Amino acid sequence: PTTLPGSAIPPKEKLYAVKALSEDDIAALLHHLGKTRHYDVFAAVTLAWLLGVRPCEMHSIQVTREGFHIIGAKKDDQGIRGADRDITFPNQTDFELAAKAVDLYRHSHRSAAAIRDTLREQCRQLWPRRKVQPTLRSLRHQMGSNLKASGINPRLMAYIMGHRSTRSIERYGDRRTATKRSFSLPCAAPNADLSKVRISRKSKPVWYSAEPAAKGVSPKSTHQQTKRRTV
C-alpha cells in the first residue's frame, strides 16, 4: 500500500468533487440520465439522494415492511466502526420512489466503479463548463447537510448515515449548504435500534463543518458570523 513506510508506489491524485448540490441540479441530472437511458446510474443517484447511502452499500439494500435495511460497508468485527441500519420515510410516495430505485439498481450487472465512471462522463456532458463535478459521495455530503439543518439529534443523524459514533457525522455536510427538499428526509424505521450508536463527548456541535477548518478558519467563529447575519 502507498501508506506503508518506504513504499515506492505513488499515491493516487486526489479527485475533487462538489460537496453541495441544489435540488435543481439533482432534477437536471436525473432528467439527463433518464433521457440518455443510463438507468442504473439514475437509480444510484436516486438512492444516494434519498437515502444517503454509500455507493458500495447500494447492492445490499433490502426493502422490508418497515423500510430499508442497509448493510453497513464499514462494519468491523469489534463493533467499533460502521453499522447496519433500518430507515424509512414519513412520506409513502418517497418510500415507493426509493423502493423502485432499489429494484432498478439491483437489475444492473455493472460494477460500482463502472457506474461511477458513467456518472462522471454524463456530468461532464451536462455541465461542460464546470471544473468540479458532483459524485455519489457529493450526494451523501448533501444528506449530511440536510440532516444537520433539520435539527434532529446527533444519535439519530449518525444512525441514518450508518455511523457507530456521533463524532463521525462531523465529516459530512454543513447545515449552511442544506437544500429545501421537495422530498422528505429519511428517519429511523420502527424496528431500528439506536442504542448501539455511541454519543462521543468529544463531538463538536451539529453546526460544525470540516470545511472552515480545512481553510484555516475557526468553525466556531464562522458559525457566530453566520448567526449574526441571520439575527
C-alpha atoms as a PDB file:
ATOM      1  CA  PRO A   1       0.000   0.000   0.000  1.00  0.00           C
ATOM      2  CA  THR A   2       1.034   3.589  -0.580  1.00  0.00           C
ATOM      3  CA  THR A   3       0.802   4.350   3.151  1.00  0.00           C
ATOM      4  CA  LEU A   4       3.434   1.746   4.051  1.00  0.00           C
ATOM      5  CA  PRO A   5       6.740   3.374   5.134  1.00  0.00           C
ATOM      6  CA  GLY A   6       9.254   3.205   2.312  1.00  0.00           C
ATOM      7  CA  SER A   7       6.623   2.347  -0.301  1.00  0.00           C
ATOM      8  CA  ALA A   8       7.648   3.205  -3.859  1.00  0.00           C
ATOM      9  CA  ILE A   9       4.042   3.306  -5.051  1.00  0.00           C
ATOM     10  CA  PRO A  10       2.983   6.926  -5.622  1.00  0.00           C
ATOM     11  CA  PRO A  11      -0.341   7.934  -4.049  1.00  0.00           C
ATOM     12  CA  LYS A  12      -3.245   8.480  -6.392  1.00  0.00           C
ATOM     13  CA  GLU A  13      -4.092  12.034  -7.302  1.00  0.00           C
ATOM     14  CA  LYS A  14      -6.999  13.282  -5.236  1.00  0.00           C
ATOM     15  CA  LEU A  15     -10.178  13.817  -7.246  1.00  0.00           C
ATOM     16  CA  TYR A  16     -12.080  16.883  -6.130  1.00  0.00           C
ATOM     17  CA  ALA A  17     -15.853  16.852  -6.100  1.00  0.00           C
ATOM     18  CA  VAL A  18     -18.524  19.291  -5.025  1.00  0.00           C
ATOM     19  CA  LYS A  19     -19.956  18.752  -1.552  1.00  0.00           C
ATOM     20  CA  ALA A  20     -23.242  20.580  -2.058  1.00  0.00           C
ATOM     21  CA  LEU A  21     -25.914  20.222  -4.729  1.00  0.00           C
ATOM     22  CA  SER A  22     -29.173  22.070  -5.223  1.00  0.00           C
ATOM     23  CA  GLU A  23     -32.393  20.223  -5.890  1.00  0.00           C
ATOM     24  CA  ASP A  24     -32.485  21.873  -9.319  1.00  0.00           C
ATOM     25  CA  ASP A  25     -29.124  20.268 -10.120  1.00  0.00           C
ATOM     26  CA  ILE A  26     -30.399  16.880  -8.974  1.00  0.00           C
ATOM     27  CA  ALA A  27     -33.545  17.220 -11.079  1.00  0.00           C
ATOM     28  CA  ALA A  28     -31.493  18.220 -14.144  1.00  0.00           C
ATOM     29  CA  LEU A  29     -29.102  15.307 -13.625  1.00  0.00           C
ATOM     30  CA  LEU A  30     -31.879  12.739 -13.206  1.00  0.00           C
ATOM     31  CA  HIS A  31     -33.659  14.068 -16.289  1.00  0.00           C
ATOM     32  CA  HIS A  32     -30.439  13.806 -18.300  1.00  0.00           C
ATOM     33  CA  LEU A  33     -29.712  10.262 -17.100  1.00  0.00           C
ATOM     34  CA  GLY A  34     -33.237   9.131 -17.922  1.00  0.00           C
ATOM     35  CA  LYS A  35     -33.068  10.754 -21.348  1.00  0.00           C
ATOM     36  CA  THR A  36     -29.739   9.048 -22.129  1.00  0.00           C
ATOM     37  CA  ARG A  37     -31.045   5.721 -20.740  1.00  0.00           C
ATOM     38  CA  HIS A  38     -28.403   5.292 -18.083  1.00  0.00           C
ATOM     39  CA  TYR A  39     -30.927   3.702 -15.769  1.00  0.00           C
ATOM     40  CA  ASP A  40     -28.512   2.115 -13.303  1.00  0.00           C
ATOM     41  CA  VAL A  41     -26.793   5.478 -12.800  1.00  0.00           C
ATOM     42  CA  PHE A  42     -30.237   7.078 -12.449  1.00  0.00           C
ATOM     43  CA  ALA A  43     -31.021   4.570  -9.694  1.00  0.00           C
ATOM     44  CA  ALA A  44     -27.684   5.150  -7.945  1.00  0.00           C
ATOM     45  CA  VAL A  45     -28.180   8.928  -7.894  1.00  0.00           C
ATOM     46  CA  THR A  46     -31.720   8.476  -6.569  1.00  0.00           C
ATOM     47  CA  LEU A  47     -30.559   6.179  -3.752  1.00  0.00           C
ATOM     48  CA  ALA A  48     -27.696   8.465  -2.758  1.00  0.00           C
ATOM     49  CA  TRP A  49     -30.028  11.481  -2.824  1.00  0.00           C
ATOM     50  CA  LEU A  50     -32.926   9.934  -0.913  1.00  0.00           C
ATOM     51  CA  LEU A  51     -31.130   7.565   1.477  1.00  0.00           C
ATOM     52  CA  GLY A  52     -27.613   8.994   1.714  1.00  0.00           C
ATOM     53  CA  VAL A  53     -26.102   5.529   1.259  1.00  0.00           C
ATOM     54  CA  ARG A  54     -22.522   4.831   0.264  1.00  0.00           C
ATOM     55  CA  PRO A  55     -22.132   3.552  -3.328  1.00  0.00           C
ATOM     56  CA  CYS A  56     -20.729   0.226  -2.082  1.00  0.00           C
ATOM     57  CA  GLU A  57     -23.856  -0.298   0.063  1.00  0.00           C
ATOM     58  CA  MET A  58     -26.406   0.034  -2.716  1.00  0.00           C
ATOM     59  CA  HIS A  59     -26.417  -3.638  -3.719  1.00  0.00           C
ATOM     60  CA  SER A  60     -27.033  -4.624  -0.084  1.00  0.00           C
ATOM     61  CA  ILE A  61     -30.262  -2.638   0.366  1.00  0.00           C
ATOM     62  CA  GLN A  62     -33.254  -4.802   1.240  1.00  0.00           C
ATOM     63  CA  VAL A  63     -36.806  -3.479   1.096  1.00  0.00           C
ATOM     64  CA  THR A  64     -38.892  -4.632   4.066  1.00  0.00           C
ATOM     65  CA  ARG A  65     -42.298  -3.799   5.508  1.00  0.00           C
ATOM     66  CA  GLU A  66     -40.685  -1.451   7.992  1.00  0.00           C
ATOM     67  CA  GLY A  67     -38.467   0.298   5.445  1.00  0.00           C
ATOM     68  CA  PHE A  68     -34.983  -0.252   4.054  1.00  0.00           C
ATOM     69  CA  HIS A  69     -32.383  -2.497   5.671  1.00  0.00           C
ATOM     70  CA  ILE A  70     -28.891  -1.338   4.703  1.00  0.00           C
ATOM     71  CA  ILE A  71     -25.805  -3.410   5.496  1.00  0.00           C
ATOM     72  CA  GLY A  72     -23.037  -1.083   6.630  1.00  0.00           C
ATOM     73  CA  ALA A  73     -19.958  -1.112   4.429  1.00  0.00           C
ATOM     74  CA  LYS A  74     -17.542  -0.084   7.173  1.00  0.00           C
ATOM     75  CA  LYS A  75     -18.504  -2.606   9.847  1.00  0.00           C
ATOM     76  CA  ASP A  76     -15.716  -4.270  11.800  1.00  0.00           C
ATOM     77  CA  ASP A  77     -15.748  -7.386  13.968  1.00  0.00           C
ATOM     78  CA  GLN A  78     -15.319  -5.371  17.155  1.00  0.00           C
ATOM     79  CA  GLY A  79     -18.426  -3.271  16.539  1.00  0.00           C
ATOM     80  CA  ILE A  80     -16.432  -0.051  16.777  1.00  0.00           C
ATOM     81  CA  ARG A  81     -16.909   1.263  13.254  1.00  0.00           C
ATOM     82  CA  GLY A  82     -19.840   1.153  10.851  1.00  0.00           C
ATOM     83  CA  ALA A  83     -23.302  -0.233  11.400  1.00  0.00           C
ATOM     84  CA  ASP A  84     -26.318  -1.688   9.680  1.00  0.00           C
ATOM     85  CA  ARG A  85     -29.408   0.477   9.765  1.00  0.00           C
ATOM     86  CA  ASP A  86     -33.143   0.301   9.161  1.00  0.00           C
ATOM     87  CA  ILE A  87     -34.587   3.521   7.809  1.00  0.00           C
ATOM     88  CA  THR A  88     -37.808   4.598   6.168  1.00  0.00           C
ATOM     89  CA  PHE A  89     -39.701   7.715   5.105  1.00  0.00           C
ATOM     90  CA  PRO A  90     -42.633   9.527   6.711  1.00  0.00           C
ATOM     91  CA  ASN A  91     -43.980  10.004   3.195  1.00  0.00           C
ATOM     92  CA  GLN A  92     -45.271   6.913   1.357  1.00  0.00           C
ATOM     93  CA  THR A  93     -44.541   8.450  -2.054  1.00  0.00           C
ATOM     94  CA  ASP A  94     -40.863   8.871  -1.186  1.00  0.00           C
ATOM     95  CA  PHE A  95     -40.745   5.321   0.181  1.00  0.00           C
ATOM     96  CA  GLU A  96     -42.110   3.926  -3.081  1.00  0.00           C
ATOM     97  CA  LEU A  97     -39.708   6.035  -5.155  1.00  0.00           C
ATOM     98  CA  ALA A  98     -36.712   4.738  -3.197  1.00  0.00           C
ATOM     99  CA  ALA A  99     -38.023   1.155  -3.402  1.00  0.00           C
ATOM    100  CA  LYS A 100     -38.268   1.415  -7.198  1.00  0.00           C
ATOM    101  CA  ALA A 101     -34.699   2.733  -7.329  1.00  0.00           C
ATOM    102  CA  VAL A 102     -33.520  -0.257  -5.268  1.00  0.00           C
ATOM    103  CA  ASP A 103     -35.178  -2.646  -7.712  1.00  0.00           C
ATOM    104  CA  LEU A 104     -33.783  -0.783 -10.722  1.00  0.00           C
ATOM    105  CA  TYR A 105     -30.249  -0.785  -9.306  1.00  0.00           C
ATOM    106  CA  ARG A 106     -30.462  -4.481  -8.433  1.00  0.00           C
ATOM    107  CA  HIS A 107     -31.077  -5.366 -12.087  1.00  0.00           C
ATOM    108  CA  SER A 108     -27.780  -3.784 -13.116  1.00  0.00           C
ATOM    109  CA  HIS A 109     -24.856  -6.141 -13.665  1.00  0.00           C
ATOM    110  CA  ARG A 110     -22.288  -3.353 -13.797  1.00  0.00           C
ATOM    111  CA  SER A 111     -19.800  -2.671 -11.032  1.00  0.00           C
ATOM    112  CA  ALA A 112     -19.960   0.347  -8.756  1.00  0.00           C
ATOM    113  CA  ALA A 113     -16.789   1.635 -10.438  1.00  0.00           C
ATOM    114  CA  ALA A 114     -18.388   1.432 -13.890  1.00  0.00           C
ATOM    115  CA  ILE A 115     -21.465   3.294 -12.666  1.00  0.00           C
ATOM    116  CA  ARG A 116     -19.244   5.926 -11.059  1.00  0.00           C
ATOM    117  CA  ASP A 117     -17.300   6.425 -14.303  1.00  0.00           C
ATOM    118  CA  THR A 118     -20.507   6.771 -16.318  1.00  0.00           C
ATOM    119  CA  LEU A 119     -21.811   9.338 -13.856  1.00  0.00           C
ATOM    120  CA  ARG A 120     -18.621  11.367 -14.256  1.00  0.00           C
ATOM    121  CA  GLU A 121     -18.907  11.255 -18.052  1.00  0.00           C
ATOM    122  CA  GLN A 122     -22.563  12.275 -18.047  1.00  0.00           C
ATOM    123  CA  CYS A 123     -21.965  15.116 -15.587  1.00  0.00           C
ATOM    124  CA  ARG A 124     -19.299  16.488 -17.913  1.00  0.00           C
ATOM    125  CA  GLN A 125     -21.750  16.345 -20.793  1.00  0.00           C
ATOM    126  CA  LEU A 126     -24.446  18.059 -18.770  1.00  0.00           C
ATOM    127  CA  TRP A 127     -22.191  20.726 -17.225  1.00  0.00           C
ATOM    128  CA  PRO A 128     -19.185  21.069 -19.573  1.00  0.00           C
ATOM    129  CA  ARG A 129     -18.098  24.417 -18.102  1.00  0.00           C
ATOM    130  CA  ARG A 130     -17.920  23.232 -14.526  1.00  0.00           C
ATOM    131  CA  LYS A 131     -14.405  22.484 -13.344  1.00  0.00           C
ATOM    132  CA  VAL A 132     -15.567  20.293 -10.457  1.00  0.00           C
ATOM    133  CA  GLN A 133     -18.322  17.746 -10.989  1.00  0.00           C
ATOM    134  CA  PRO A 134     -20.650  16.055  -8.489  1.00  0.00           C
ATOM    135  CA  THR A 135     -20.229  12.428  -7.476  1.00  0.00           C
ATOM    136  CA  LEU A 136     -22.326   9.964  -5.498  1.00  0.00           C
ATOM    137  CA  ARG A 137     -20.304  10.992  -2.468  1.00  0.00           C
ATOM    138  CA  SER A 138     -21.416  14.591  -3.094  1.00  0.00           C
ATOM    139  CA  LEU A 139     -24.984  13.445  -2.533  1.00  0.00           C
ATOM    140  CA  ARG A 140     -24.016  11.754   0.731  1.00  0.00           C
ATOM    141  CA  HIS A 141     -22.427  15.007   1.900  1.00  0.00           C
ATOM    142  CA  GLN A 142     -25.614  16.826   0.910  1.00  0.00           C
ATOM    143  CA  MET A 143     -27.640  14.396   3.001  1.00  0.00           C
ATOM    144  CA  GLY A 144     -25.392  15.219   5.947  1.00  0.00           C
ATOM    145  CA  SER A 145     -26.046  18.926   5.409  1.00  0.00           C
ATOM    146  CA  ASN A 146     -29.792  18.408   5.225  1.00  0.00           C
ATOM    147  CA  LEU A 147     -29.841  16.266   8.373  1.00  0.00           C
ATOM    148  CA  LYS A 148     -27.831  18.849  10.312  1.00  0.00           C
ATOM    149  CA  ALA A 149     -30.195  21.620   9.240  1.00  0.00           C
ATOM    150  CA  SER A 150     -33.265  19.560  10.181  1.00  0.00           C
ATOM    151  CA  GLY A 151     -32.476  19.796  13.888  1.00  0.00           C
ATOM    152  CA  ILE A 152     -32.667  16.065  14.659  1.00  0.00           C
ATOM    153  CA  ASN A 153     -30.498  14.727  17.475  1.00  0.00           C
ATOM    154  CA  PRO A 154     -26.911  13.619  16.700  1.00  0.00           C
ATOM    155  CA  ARG A 155     -27.545   9.962  17.580  1.00  0.00           C
ATOM    156  CA  LEU A 156     -30.348   9.656  15.026  1.00  0.00           C
ATOM    157  CA  MET A 157     -28.273  11.554  12.483  1.00  0.00           C
ATOM    158  CA  ALA A 158     -25.347   9.153  12.953  1.00  0.00           C
ATOM    159  CA  TYR A 159     -27.670   6.150  12.694  1.00  0.00           C
ATOM    160  CA  ILE A 160     -29.178   7.288   9.391  1.00  0.00           C
ATOM    161  CA  MET A 161     -25.685   7.848   7.965  1.00  0.00           C
ATOM    162  CA  GLY A 162     -24.513   4.392   9.084  1.00  0.00           C
ATOM    163  CA  HIS A 163     -22.072   5.517  11.779  1.00  0.00           C
ATOM    164  CA  ARG A 164     -21.323   3.891  15.119  1.00  0.00           C
ATOM    165  CA  SER A 165     -20.406   7.170  16.811  1.00  0.00           C
ATOM    166  CA  THR A 166     -21.860  10.672  16.746  1.00  0.00           C
ATOM    167  CA  ARG A 167     -18.356  12.029  16.161  1.00  0.00           C
ATOM    168  CA  SER A 168     -18.332  10.572  12.640  1.00  0.00           C
ATOM    169  CA  ILE A 169     -21.113  12.869  11.445  1.00  0.00           C
ATOM    170  CA  GLU A 170     -18.743  15.840  11.688  1.00  0.00           C
ATOM    171  CA  ARG A 171     -17.199  14.771   8.380  1.00  0.00           C
ATOM    172  CA  TYR A 172     -20.406  15.122   6.435  1.00  0.00           C
ATOM    173  CA  GLY A 173     -22.106  18.287   5.371  1.00  0.00           C
ATOM    174  CA  ASP A 174     -22.610  21.817   6.570  1.00  0.00           C
ATOM    175  CA  ARG A 175     -26.057  22.986   7.621  1.00  0.00           C
ATOM    176  CA  ARG A 176     -25.500  26.251   5.708  1.00  0.00           C
ATOM    177  CA  THR A 177     -25.500  24.307   2.413  1.00  0.00           C
ATOM    178  CA  ALA A 178     -28.731  22.438   3.165  1.00  0.00           C
ATOM    179  CA  THR A 179     -31.328  22.402   0.401  1.00  0.00           C
ATOM    180  CA  LYS A 180     -35.067  22.932   0.574  1.00  0.00           C
ATOM    181  CA  ARG A 181     -36.130  19.458  -0.481  1.00  0.00           C
ATOM    182  CA  SER A 182     -39.462  18.582  -2.022  1.00  0.00           C
ATOM    183  CA  PHE A 183     -38.775  15.064  -0.716  1.00  0.00           C
ATOM    184  CA  SER A 184     -38.905  14.061   2.937  1.00  0.00           C
ATOM    185  CA  LEU A 185     -35.772  13.169   4.872  1.00  0.00           C
ATOM    186  CA  PRO A 186     -35.285   9.531   5.912  1.00  0.00           C
ATOM    187  CA  CYS A 187     -35.979   8.569   9.503  1.00  0.00           C
ATOM    188  CA  ALA A 188     -35.388   5.524  11.685  1.00  0.00           C
ATOM    189  CA  ALA A 189     -37.712   2.596  10.961  1.00  0.00           C
ATOM    190  CA  PRO A 190     -39.974   1.298  13.784  1.00  0.00           C
ATOM    191  CA  ASN A 191     -37.620  -1.659  14.359  1.00  0.00           C
ATOM    192  CA  ALA A 192     -34.461   0.477  14.438  1.00  0.00           C
ATOM    193  CA  ASP A 193     -32.083   0.109  17.393  1.00  0.00           C
ATOM    194  CA  LEU A 194     -30.210   3.337  18.076  1.00  0.00           C
ATOM    195  CA  SER A 195     -28.759   2.166  21.396  1.00  0.00           C
ATOM    196  CA  LYS A 196     -25.514   0.978  19.781  1.00  0.00           C
ATOM    197  CA  VAL A 197     -24.663   4.444  18.466  1.00  0.00           C
ATOM    198  CA  ARG A 198     -22.115   5.950  20.840  1.00  0.00           C
ATOM    199  CA  ILE A 199     -22.514   9.572  21.881  1.00  0.00           C
ATOM    200  CA  SER A 200     -18.992  10.964  21.814  1.00  0.00           C
ATOM    201  CA  ARG A 201     -18.189  13.563  24.439  1.00  0.00           C
ATOM    202  CA  LYS A 202     -15.602  14.962  22.066  1.00  0.00           C
ATOM    203  CA  SER A 203     -18.187  15.537  19.365  1.00  0.00           C
ATOM    204  CA  LYS A 204     -18.455  19.063  18.080  1.00  0.00           C
ATOM    205  CA  PRO A 205     -21.829  20.826  17.783  1.00  0.00           C
ATOM    206  CA  VAL A 206     -24.101  19.782  14.922  1.00  0.00           C
ATOM    207  CA  TRP A 207     -23.394  23.049  13.117  1.00  0.00           C
ATOM    208  CA  TYR A 208     -19.694  22.163  12.909  1.00  0.00           C
ATOM    209  CA  SER A 209     -18.237  21.549   9.476  1.00  0.00           C
ATOM    210  CA  ALA A 210     -14.795  20.408   8.415  1.00  0.00           C
ATOM    211  CA  GLU A 211     -14.956  22.912   5.546  1.00  0.00           C
ATOM    212  CA  PRO A 212     -13.925  26.040   7.527  1.00  0.00           C
ATOM    213  CA  ALA A 213     -11.269  24.064   9.417  1.00  0.00           C
ATOM    214  CA  ALA A 214      -9.722  22.910   6.154  1.00  0.00           C
ATOM    215  CA  LYS A 215      -9.486  26.543   5.062  1.00  0.00           C
ATOM    216  CA  GLY A 216      -7.778  27.576   8.287  1.00  0.00           C
ATOM    217  CA  VAL A 217     -10.877  29.325   9.641  1.00  0.00           C
ATOM    218  CA  SER A 218     -12.269  28.633  13.078  1.00  0.00           C
ATOM    219  CA  PRO A 219     -15.597  26.760  12.675  1.00  0.00           C
ATOM    220  CA  LYS A 220     -16.929  28.452  15.800  1.00  0.00           C
ATOM    221  CA  SER A 221     -16.172  31.958  14.563  1.00  0.00           C
ATOM    222  CA  THR A 222     -17.688  31.077  11.183  1.00  0.00           C
ATOM    223  CA  HIS A 223     -20.845  29.903  12.928  1.00  0.00           C
ATOM    224  CA  GLN A 224     -21.002  33.063  15.037  1.00  0.00           C
ATOM    225  CA  GLN A 225     -20.654  35.234  11.929  1.00  0.00           C
ATOM    226  CA  THR A 226     -23.453  33.302  10.239  1.00  0.00           C
ATOM    227  CA  LYS A 227     -25.584  33.638  13.352  1.00  0.00           C
ATOM    228  CA  ARG A 228     -25.054  37.418  13.498  1.00  0.00           C
ATOM    229  CA  ARG A 229     -26.080  37.775   9.861  1.00  0.00           C
ATOM    230  CA  THR A 230     -29.327  35.911  10.469  1.00  0.00           C
ATOM    231  CA  VAL A 231     -30.306  37.851  13.597  1.00  0.00           C
END
